[in-house]
Each structure stands twice: as structure tokens, then as C-alpha cells.
Amino acid sequence: VKPRFSAFFGTQLDLVLRRMGVGTVVLTG
């Protein structure tokens, strides 16, 4: 759940992606 426009703003997305070894994001929506 994001509080603003960006999926990274105020969320743990960056932390989770780095823990998973993800270096690329594919955006839809």
C-alpha cells in the first residue's frame, strides 16, 4: 500500500527488492 503517487514513496518496496536481488522493475497500471 502506497500513500502517494510513487510506489517507492513511504513504502518498503526498495528494501524488499534489494533483499530479493532485484535490479529491474517492469511497470504497468
PDB file of all heavy atoms in Angstrom:
ATOM      1  N   VAL A   1       0.857  -1.183   0.000  1.00  0.00           N
ATOM      2  CA  VAL A   1       0.000   0.000   0.000  1.00  0.00           C
ATOM      3  C   VAL A   1       0.898   1.239   0.000  1.00  0.00           C
ATOM      4  O   VAL A   1       1.775   1.373   0.855  1.00  0.00           O
ATOM      5  CB  VAL A   1      -0.923   0.020   1.230  1.00  0.00           C
ATOM      6  CG1 VAL A   1      -1.773   1.291   1.230  1.00  0.00           C
ATOM      7  CG2 VAL A   1      -1.818  -1.215   1.255  1.00  0.00           C
ATOM      8  N   LYS A   2       0.679   2.114  -0.961  1.00  0.00           N
ATOM      9  CA  LYS A   2       1.489   3.333  -1.044  1.00  0.00           C
ATOM     10  C   LYS A   2       0.653   4.552  -0.655  1.00  0.00           C
ATOM     11  O   LYS A   2      -0.533   4.627  -0.980  1.00  0.00           O
ATOM     12  CB  LYS A   2       2.074   3.510  -2.451  1.00  0.00           C
ATOM     13  CG  LYS A   2       1.052   3.706  -3.559  1.00  0.00           C
ATOM     14  CD  LYS A   2       1.757   3.809  -4.902  1.00  0.00           C
ATOM     15  CE  LYS A   2       0.781   3.863  -6.068  1.00  0.00           C
ATOM     16  NZ  LYS A   2      -0.003   5.085  -6.151  1.00  0.00           N
ATOM     17  N   PRO A   3       1.253   5.520   0.030  1.00  0.00           N
ATOM     18  CA  PRO A   3       0.499   6.688   0.472  1.00  0.00           C
ATOM     19  C   PRO A   3       0.446   7.824  -0.541  1.00  0.00           C
ATOM     20  O   PRO A   3      -0.310   8.774  -0.364  1.00  0.00           O
ATOM     21  CB  PRO A   3       1.255   7.130   1.728  1.00  0.00           C
ATOM     22  CG  PRO A   3       2.676   6.758   1.437  1.00  0.00           C
ATOM     23  CD  PRO A   3       2.601   5.477   0.655  1.00  0.00           C
ATOM     24  N   ARG A   4       1.275   7.754  -1.579  1.00  0.00           N
ATOM     25  CA  ARG A   4       1.332   8.827  -2.567  1.00  0.00           C
ATOM     26  C   ARG A   4       1.506   8.210  -3.956  1.00  0.00           C
ATOM     27  O   ARG A   4       1.303   7.040  -4.150  1.00  0.00           O
ATOM     28  CB  ARG A   4       2.467   9.805  -2.235  1.00  0.00           C
ATOM     29  CG  ARG A   4       2.162  10.700  -1.029  1.00  0.00           C
ATOM     30  CD  ARG A   4       1.002  11.638  -1.320  1.00  0.00           C
ATOM     31  NE  ARG A   4       0.708  12.564  -0.233  1.00  0.00           N
ATOM     32  CZ  ARG A   4      -0.217  12.365   0.692  1.00  0.00           C
ATOM     33  NH1 ARG A   4      -0.919  11.235   0.693  1.00  0.00           N
ATOM     34  NH2 ARG A   4      -0.455  13.274   1.621  1.00  0.00           N
ATOM     35  N   PHE A   5       1.889   9.008  -4.936  1.00  0.00           N
ATOM     36  CA  PHE A   5       1.933   8.526  -6.318  1.00  0.00           C
ATOM     37  C   PHE A   5       2.970   7.425  -6.531  1.00  0.00           C
ATOM     38  O   PHE A   5       2.663   6.370  -7.081  1.00  0.00           O
ATOM     39  CB  PHE A   5       2.217   9.692  -7.272  1.00  0.00           C
ATOM     40  CG  PHE A   5       1.155  10.764  -7.254  1.00  0.00           C
ATOM     41  CD1 PHE A   5       1.457  12.053  -6.846  1.00  0.00           C
ATOM     42  CD2 PHE A   5      -0.143  10.479  -7.638  1.00  0.00           C
ATOM     43  CE1 PHE A   5       0.480  13.041  -6.831  1.00  0.00           C
ATOM     44  CE2 PHE A   5      -1.125  11.457  -7.627  1.00  0.00           C
ATOM     45  CZ  PHE A   5      -0.812  12.744  -7.223  1.00  0.00           C
ATOM     46  N   SER A   6       4.216   7.660  -6.149  1.00  0.00           N
ATOM     47  CA  SER A   6       5.285   6.696  -6.408  1.00  0.00           C
ATOM     48  C   SER A   6       5.158   5.446  -5.542  1.00  0.00           C
ATOM     49  O   SER A   6       4.851   5.527  -4.347  1.00  0.00           O
ATOM     50  CB  SER A   6       6.646   7.343  -6.152  1.00  0.00           C
ATOM     51  OG  SER A   6       7.679   6.375  -6.210  1.00  0.00           O
ATOM     52  N   ALA A   7       5.444   4.303  -6.142  1.00  0.00           N
ATOM     53  CA  ALA A   7       5.436   3.038  -5.396  1.00  0.00           C
ATOM     54  C   ALA A   7       6.565   2.977  -4.370  1.00  0.00           C
ATOM     55  O   ALA A   7       6.529   2.143  -3.454  1.00  0.00           O
ATOM     56  CB  ALA A   7       5.565   1.868  -6.370  1.00  0.00           C
ATOM     57  N   PHE A   8       7.557   3.860  -4.506  1.00  0.00           N
ATOM     58  CA  PHE A   8       8.688   3.860  -3.580  1.00  0.00           C
ATOM     59  C   PHE A   8       8.510   4.826  -2.413  1.00  0.00           C
ATOM     60  O   PHE A   8       9.151   4.670  -1.378  1.00  0.00           O
ATOM     61  CB  PHE A   8       9.979   4.232  -4.334  1.00  0.00           C
ATOM     62  CG  PHE A   8      10.464   3.155  -5.269  1.00  0.00           C
ATOM     63  CD1 PHE A   8      10.145   3.202  -6.616  1.00  0.00           C
ATOM     64  CD2 PHE A   8      11.227   2.102  -4.808  1.00  0.00           C
ATOM     65  CE1 PHE A   8      10.584   2.220  -7.493  1.00  0.00           C
ATOM     66  CE2 PHE A   8      11.677   1.105  -5.667  1.00  0.00           C
ATOM     67  CZ  PHE A   8      11.346   1.169  -7.022  1.00  0.00           C
ATOM     68  N   PHE A   9       7.632   5.825  -2.578  1.00  0.00           N
ATOM     69  CA  PHE A   9       7.491   6.866  -1.559  1.00  0.00           C
ATOM     70  C   PHE A   9       6.775   6.324  -0.324  1.00  0.00           C
ATOM     71  O   PHE A   9       5.631   5.887  -0.385  1.00  0.00           O
ATOM     72  CB  PHE A   9       6.704   8.052  -2.132  1.00  0.00           C
ATOM     73  CG  PHE A   9       6.588   9.211  -1.184  1.00  0.00           C
ATOM     74  CD1 PHE A   9       7.536  10.214  -1.180  1.00  0.00           C
ATOM     75  CD2 PHE A   9       5.532   9.294  -0.279  1.00  0.00           C
ATOM     76  CE1 PHE A   9       7.432  11.288  -0.305  1.00  0.00           C
ATOM     77  CE2 PHE A   9       5.419  10.359   0.599  1.00  0.00           C
ATOM     78  CZ  PHE A   9       6.374  11.354   0.592  1.00  0.00           C
ATOM     79  N   GLY A  10       7.461   6.346   0.817  1.00  0.00           N
ATOM     80  CA  GLY A  10       6.855   5.933   2.078  1.00  0.00           C
ATOM     81  C   GLY A  10       6.513   4.455   2.160  1.00  0.00           C
ATOM     82  O   GLY A  10       5.658   4.069   2.961  1.00  0.00           O
ATOM     83  N   THR A  11       7.187   3.617   1.348  1.00  0.00           N
ATOM     84  CA  THR A  11       6.928   2.169   1.390  1.00  0.00           C
ATOM     85  C   THR A  11       8.248   1.421   1.606  1.00  0.00           C
ATOM     86  O   THR A  11       9.330   2.006   1.567  1.00  0.00           O
ATOM     87  CB  THR A  11       6.295   1.663   0.080  1.00  0.00           C
ATOM     88  OG1 THR A  11       7.298   1.627  -0.961  1.00  0.00           O
ATOM     89  CG2 THR A  11       5.133   2.542  -0.359  1.00  0.00           C
ATOM     90  N   GLN A  12       8.150   0.112   1.760  1.00  0.00           N
ATOM     91  CA  GLN A  12       9.338  -0.734   1.913  1.00  0.00           C
ATOM     92  C   GLN A  12       9.732  -1.408   0.599  1.00  0.00           C
ATOM     93  O   GLN A  12      10.523  -2.345   0.588  1.00  0.00           O
ATOM     94  CB  GLN A  12       9.077  -1.803   2.977  1.00  0.00           C
ATOM     95  CG  GLN A  12       8.940  -1.251   4.388  1.00  0.00           C
ATOM     96  CD  GLN A  12       8.849  -2.354   5.417  1.00  0.00           C
ATOM     97  OE1 GLN A  12       8.139  -3.334   5.238  1.00  0.00           O
ATOM     98  NE2 GLN A  12       9.587  -2.201   6.508  1.00  0.00           N
ATOM     99  N   LEU A  13       9.222  -0.898  -0.512  1.00  0.00           N
ATOM    100  CA  LEU A  13       9.480  -1.557  -1.793  1.00  0.00           C
ATOM    101  C   LEU A  13      10.965  -1.669  -2.108  1.00  0.00           C
ATOM    102  O   LEU A  13      11.446  -2.745  -2.484  1.00  0.00           O
ATOM    103  CB  LEU A  13       8.755  -0.810  -2.920  1.00  0.00           C
ATOM    104  CG  LEU A  13       8.934  -1.395  -4.330  1.00  0.00           C
ATOM    105  CD1 LEU A  13       8.389  -2.815  -4.401  1.00  0.00           C
ATOM    106  CD2 LEU A  13       8.260  -0.504  -5.372  1.00  0.00           C
ATOM    107  N   ASP A  14      11.701  -0.590  -1.955  1.00  0.00           N
ATOM    108  CA  ASP A  14      13.137  -0.627  -2.262  1.00  0.00           C
ATOM    109  C   ASP A  14      13.862  -1.653  -1.394  1.00  0.00           C
ATOM    110  O   ASP A  14      14.673  -2.443  -1.897  1.00  0.00           O
ATOM    111  CB  ASP A  14      13.740   0.763  -2.071  1.00  0.00           C
ATOM    112  CG  ASP A  14      15.221   0.817  -2.399  1.00  0.00           C
ATOM    113  OD1 ASP A  14      15.624   0.303  -3.462  1.00  0.00           O
ATOM    114  OD2 ASP A  14      15.996   1.367  -1.592  1.00  0.00           O
ATOM    115  N   LEU A  15      13.560  -1.663  -0.111  1.00  0.00           N
ATOM    116  CA  LEU A  15      14.181  -2.625   0.806  1.00  0.00           C
ATOM    117  C   LEU A  15      13.890  -4.057   0.376  1.00  0.00           C
ATOM    118  O   LEU A  15      14.793  -4.900   0.293  1.00  0.00           O
ATOM    119  CB  LEU A  15      13.665  -2.392   2.230  1.00  0.00           C
ATOM    120  CG  LEU A  15      14.052  -3.451   3.279  1.00  0.00           C
ATOM    121  CD1 LEU A  15      15.548  -3.471   3.486  1.00  0.00           C
ATOM    122  CD2 LEU A  15      13.328  -3.187   4.590  1.00  0.00           C
ATOM    123  N   VAL A  16      12.631  -4.337   0.076  1.00  0.00           N
ATOM    124  CA  VAL A  16      12.239  -5.702  -0.302  1.00  0.00           C
ATOM    125  C   VAL A  16      12.897  -6.121  -1.617  1.00  0.00           C
ATOM    126  O   VAL A  16      13.414  -7.241  -1.745  1.00  0.00           O
ATOM    127  CB  VAL A  16      10.704  -5.817  -0.398  1.00  0.00           C
ATOM    128  CG1 VAL A  16      10.297  -7.194  -0.913  1.00  0.00           C
ATOM    129  CG2 VAL A  16      10.059  -5.560   0.964  1.00  0.00           C
ATOM    130  N   LEU A  17      12.897  -5.222  -2.599  1.00  0.00           N
ATOM    131  CA  LEU A  17      13.504  -5.557  -3.893  1.00  0.00           C
ATOM    132  C   LEU A  17      14.991  -5.858  -3.742  1.00  0.00           C
ATOM    133  O   LEU A  17      15.510  -6.821  -4.319  1.00  0.00           O
ATOM    134  CB  LEU A  17      13.300  -4.414  -4.882  1.00  0.00           C
ATOM    135  CG  LEU A  17      11.863  -4.136  -5.341  1.00  0.00           C
ATOM    136  CD1 LEU A  17      11.835  -2.961  -6.320  1.00  0.00           C
ATOM    137  CD2 LEU A  17      11.233  -5.368  -5.986  1.00  0.00           C
ATOM    138  N   ARG A  18      15.683  -5.049  -2.962  1.00  0.00           N
ATOM    139  CA  ARG A  18      17.125  -5.277  -2.790  1.00  0.00           C
ATOM    140  C   ARG A  18      17.385  -6.582  -2.035  1.00  0.00           C
ATOM    141  O   ARG A  18      18.335  -7.306  -2.356  1.00  0.00           O
ATOM    142  CB  ARG A  18      17.764  -4.084  -2.078  1.00  0.00           C
ATOM    143  CG  ARG A  18      17.725  -2.817  -2.923  1.00  0.00           C
ATOM    144  CD  ARG A  18      18.556  -1.690  -2.348  1.00  0.00           C
ATOM    145  NE  ARG A  18      18.291  -0.445  -3.058  1.00  0.00           N
ATOM    146  CZ  ARG A  18      18.815  -0.122  -4.233  1.00  0.00           C
ATOM    147  NH1 ARG A  18      19.629  -0.973  -4.839  1.00  0.00           N
ATOM    148  NH2 ARG A  18      18.530   1.044  -4.806  1.00  0.00           N
ATOM    149  N   ARG A  19      16.558  -6.898  -1.058  1.00  0.00           N
ATOM    150  CA  ARG A  19      16.709  -8.165  -0.333  1.00  0.00           C
ATOM    151  C   ARG A  19      16.511  -9.350  -1.280  1.00  0.00           C
ATOM    152  O   ARG A  19      17.105 -10.412  -1.103  1.00  0.00           O
ATOM    153  CB  ARG A  19      15.688  -8.240   0.803  1.00  0.00           C
ATOM    154  CG  ARG A  19      16.005  -7.346   1.989  1.00  0.00           C
ATOM    155  CD  ARG A  19      16.944  -8.040   2.968  1.00  0.00           C
ATOM    156  NE  ARG A  19      17.260  -7.181   4.102  1.00  0.00           N
ATOM    157  CZ  ARG A  19      16.558  -7.154   5.240  1.00  0.00           C
ATOM    158  NH1 ARG A  19      15.471  -7.903   5.360  1.00  0.00           N
ATOM    159  NH2 ARG A  19      16.920  -6.366   6.228  1.00  0.00           N
ATOM    160  N   MET A  20      15.656  -9.161  -2.287  1.00  0.00           N
ATOM    161  CA  MET A  20      15.364 -10.228  -3.242  1.00  0.00           C
ATOM    162  C   MET A  20      16.369 -10.283  -4.389  1.00  0.00           C
ATOM    163  O   MET A  20      16.300 -11.177  -5.232  1.00  0.00           O
ATOM    164  CB  MET A  20      13.954 -10.039  -3.812  1.00  0.00           C
ATOM    165  CG  MET A  20      12.848 -10.153  -2.795  1.00  0.00           C
ATOM    166  SD  MET A  20      11.228  -9.788  -3.533  1.00  0.00           S
ATOM    167  CE  MET A  20      11.015 -11.230  -4.588  1.00  0.00           C
ATOM    168  N   GLY A  21      17.293  -9.340  -4.435  1.00  0.00           N
ATOM    169  CA  GLY A  21      18.267  -9.302  -5.521  1.00  0.00           C
ATOM    170  C   GLY A  21      17.697  -8.798  -6.828  1.00  0.00           C
ATOM    171  O   GLY A  21      18.208  -9.115  -7.904  1.00  0.00           O
ATOM    172  N   VAL A  22      16.646  -7.999  -6.737  1.00  0.00           N
ATOM    173  CA  VAL A  22      16.000  -7.448  -7.931  1.00  0.00           C
ATOM    174  C   VAL A  22      16.680  -6.147  -8.341  1.00  0.00           C
ATOM    175  O   VAL A  22      16.876  -5.257  -7.520  1.00  0.00           O
ATOM    176  CB  VAL A  22      14.493  -7.201  -7.666  1.00  0.00           C
ATOM    177  CG1 VAL A  22      13.880  -6.357  -8.781  1.00  0.00           C
ATOM    178  CG2 VAL A  22      13.761  -8.520  -7.529  1.00  0.00           C
ATOM    179  N   GLY A  23      17.024  -6.044  -9.631  1.00  0.00           N
ATOM    180  CA  GLY A  23      17.651  -4.837 -10.140  1.00  0.00           C
ATOM    181  C   GLY A  23      16.877  -4.156 -11.250  1.00  0.00           C
ATOM    182  O   GLY A  23      17.311  -3.140 -11.783  1.00  0.00           O
ATOM    183  N   THR A  24      15.722  -4.732 -11.594  1.00  0.00           N
ATOM    184  CA  THR A  24      14.899  -4.209 -12.689  1.00  0.00           C
ATOM    185  C   THR A  24      13.442  -4.214 -12.273  1.00  0.00           C
ATOM    186  O   THR A  24      12.973  -5.175 -11.647  1.00  0.00           O
ATOM    187  CB  THR A  24      15.061  -5.076 -13.950  1.00  0.00           C
ATOM    188  OG1 THR A  24      16.432  -5.076 -14.360  1.00  0.00           O
ATOM    189  CG2 THR A  24      14.185  -4.576 -15.098  1.00  0.00           C
ATOM    190  N   VAL A  25      12.706  -3.156 -12.625  1.00  0.00           N
ATOM    191  CA  VAL A  25      11.269  -3.136 -12.379  1.00  0.00           C
ATOM    192  C   VAL A  25      10.536  -2.963 -13.702  1.00  0.00           C
ATOM    193  O   VAL A  25      10.950  -2.170 -14.564  1.00  0.00           O
ATOM    194  CB  VAL A  25      10.861  -2.017 -11.383  1.00  0.00           C
ATOM    195  CG1 VAL A  25      11.363  -2.341  -9.988  1.00  0.00           C
ATOM    196  CG2 VAL A  25      11.366  -0.657 -11.825  1.00  0.00           C
ATOM    197  N   VAL A  26       9.457  -3.716 -13.845  1.00  0.00           N
ATOM    198  CA  VAL A  26       8.591  -3.639 -15.018  1.00  0.00           C
ATOM    199  C   VAL A  26       7.286  -2.997 -14.564  1.00  0.00           C
ATOM    200  O   VAL A  26       6.600  -3.539 -13.682  1.00  0.00           O
ATOM    201  CB  VAL A  26       8.325  -5.034 -15.606  1.00  0.00           C
ATOM    202  CG1 VAL A  26       7.434  -4.936 -16.840  1.00  0.00           C
ATOM    203  CG2 VAL A  26       9.639  -5.736 -15.946  1.00  0.00           C
ATOM    204  N   LEU A  27       6.943  -1.859 -15.148  1.00  0.00           N
ATOM    205  CA  LEU A  27       5.805  -1.083 -14.665  1.00  0.00           C
ATOM    206  C   LEU A  27       4.585  -1.220 -15.565  1.00  0.00           C
ATOM    207  O   LEU A  27       4.674  -1.058 -16.783  1.00  0.00           O
ATOM    208  CB  LEU A  27       6.180   0.392 -14.537  1.00  0.00           C
ATOM    209  CG  LEU A  27       7.440   0.716 -13.719  1.00  0.00           C
ATOM    210  CD1 LEU A  27       7.598   2.230 -13.594  1.00  0.00           C
ATOM    211  CD2 LEU A  27       7.402   0.062 -12.351  1.00  0.00           C
ATOM    212  N   THR A  28       3.440  -1.485 -14.930  1.00  0.00           N
ATOM    213  CA  THR A  28       2.147  -1.497 -15.599  1.00  0.00           C
ATOM    214  C   THR A  28       1.142  -0.828 -14.673  1.00  0.00           C
ATOM    215  O   THR A  28       1.377  -0.707 -13.475  1.00  0.00           O
ATOM    216  CB  THR A  28       1.668  -2.932 -15.899  1.00  0.00           C
ATOM    217  OG1 THR A  28       1.421  -3.629 -14.657  1.00  0.00           O
ATOM    218  CG2 THR A  28       2.695  -3.714 -16.703  1.00  0.00           C
ATOM    219  N   GLY A  29       0.008  -0.378 -15.231  1.00  0.00           N
ATOM    220  CA  GLY A  29      -1.043   0.178 -14.384  1.00  0.00           C
ATOM    221  C   GLY A  29      -1.401   1.605 -14.758  1.00  0.00           C
ATOM    222  O   GLY A  29      -1.257   2.032 -15.897  1.00  0.00           O
TER     223      GLY A  29
END
